[in-house]
């Protein structure tokens, strides 16, 4: 994240974009993003490296696994109904 931020700052300074934009941005917004940048830089690199695995694990555990269990349950419910119908005949 720090490398990306550095690239953005370099780009803004290179094309003198910052002076035009900052003249129209309220100081509260600039202060907020400066504080946010400080918090983001305080996060260790190992945490940023583990985020993709965390997101994938979360998606699997919250969406895919319950959906799979529901499909398995539906399959066995259909089997039970077919067996009940065949015994009734």
Protein backbone atom coordinates (compact mmCIF):
# COMPACT_ATOMS: atom_id res chain seq x y z
CA UNK A 1 0.00 0.00 0.00
CA UNK A 2 2.82 2.37 0.80
CA UNK A 3 4.35 1.85 -2.66
CA UNK A 4 1.04 2.62 -4.35
CA UNK A 5 0.61 5.74 -2.23
CA UNK A 6 4.14 6.86 -3.12
CA UNK A 7 3.41 6.38 -6.83
CA UNK A 8 0.21 8.41 -6.57
CA UNK A 9 1.99 11.22 -4.73
CA UNK A 10 4.81 11.22 -7.31
CA UNK A 11 2.29 11.37 -10.17
CA UNK A 12 0.39 14.23 -8.55
CA UNK A 13 3.60 16.17 -7.91
CA UNK A 14 4.93 15.50 -11.40
CA UNK A 15 1.89 16.96 -13.12
CA UNK A 16 1.22 19.65 -10.47
CA UNK A 17 -2.25 18.29 -9.89
CA UNK A 18 -2.12 18.66 -6.11
CA UNK A 19 -2.10 22.45 -6.04
CA UNK A 20 -5.20 22.70 -8.24
CA UNK A 21 -7.12 20.04 -6.34
CA UNK A 22 -6.11 20.98 -2.80
CA UNK A 23 -7.27 24.55 -3.36
CA UNK A 24 -10.84 23.25 -3.71
CA UNK A 25 -10.78 20.49 -1.08
CA UNK A 26 -11.86 21.35 2.47
CA UNK A 27 -9.16 20.98 5.12
CA UNK A 28 -11.30 18.44 7.01
CA UNK A 29 -11.17 16.11 4.02
CA UNK A 30 -7.41 16.53 3.65
CA UNK A 31 -6.98 15.92 7.39
CA UNK A 32 -9.20 12.83 7.24
CA UNK A 33 -7.21 11.28 4.40
CA UNK A 34 -3.90 12.15 6.08
CA UNK A 35 -5.10 10.35 9.22
CA UNK A 36 -6.36 7.42 7.16
CA UNK A 37 -3.00 7.19 5.41
CA UNK A 38 -1.27 7.05 8.80
CA UNK A 39 -3.50 4.20 9.95
CA UNK A 40 -2.97 2.28 6.72
CA UNK A 41 0.79 2.67 6.95
CA UNK A 42 0.71 1.33 10.51
CA UNK A 43 -0.65 -2.01 9.26
CA UNK A 44 2.20 -4.51 8.73
CA UNK A 45 2.92 -5.78 5.22
CA UNK A 46 2.20 -9.35 6.29
CA UNK A 47 -1.41 -8.36 6.96
CA UNK A 48 -1.78 -6.87 3.47
CA UNK A 49 -0.25 -10.04 1.99
CA UNK A 50 -2.77 -12.25 3.78
CA UNK A 51 -5.88 -10.29 2.74
CA UNK A 52 -6.57 -12.25 -0.50
CA UNK A 53 -6.58 -15.56 1.39
CA UNK A 54 -8.81 -14.06 4.06
CA UNK A 55 -11.32 -12.81 1.49
CA UNK A 56 -11.43 -16.18 -0.30
CA UNK A 57 -11.88 -18.04 2.99
CA UNK A 58 -14.66 -15.70 4.04
CA UNK A 59 -16.52 -16.10 0.74
CA UNK A 60 -16.22 -19.87 0.95
CA UNK A 61 -17.40 -20.08 4.52
CA UNK A 62 -20.27 -17.61 4.17
CA UNK A 63 -21.63 -18.48 0.73
CA UNK A 64 -20.31 -21.60 -0.98
CA UNK A 65 -20.39 -24.05 1.92
CA UNK A 66 -23.96 -23.24 3.06
CA UNK A 67 -25.15 -23.38 -0.57
CA UNK A 68 -23.49 -26.79 -1.00
CA UNK A 69 -25.06 -28.11 2.18
CA UNK A 70 -28.47 -26.88 1.05
CA UNK A 71 -28.08 -28.66 -2.31
CA UNK A 72 -27.03 -31.90 -0.56
CA UNK A 73 -30.05 -31.62 1.74
CA UNK A 74 -32.36 -31.07 -1.25
CA UNK A 75 -30.91 -34.13 -2.96
CA UNK A 76 -31.57 -36.38 0.04
CA UNK A 77 -35.03 -34.88 0.56
CA UNK A 78 -35.89 -35.82 -3.03
CA UNK A 79 -34.55 -39.35 -2.47
CA UNK A 80 -36.69 -39.71 0.66
CA UNK A 81 -39.80 -38.49 -1.17
CA UNK A 82 -39.21 -40.91 -4.06
CA UNK A 83 -38.75 -43.80 -1.64
CA UNK A 84 -41.94 -42.81 0.23
CA UNK A 85 -43.87 -42.64 -3.06
CA UNK A 86 -42.57 -46.04 -4.23
CA UNK A 87 -43.62 -47.69 -0.93
CA UNK A 88 -47.09 -46.13 -1.20
CA UNK A 89 -47.72 -47.84 -4.56
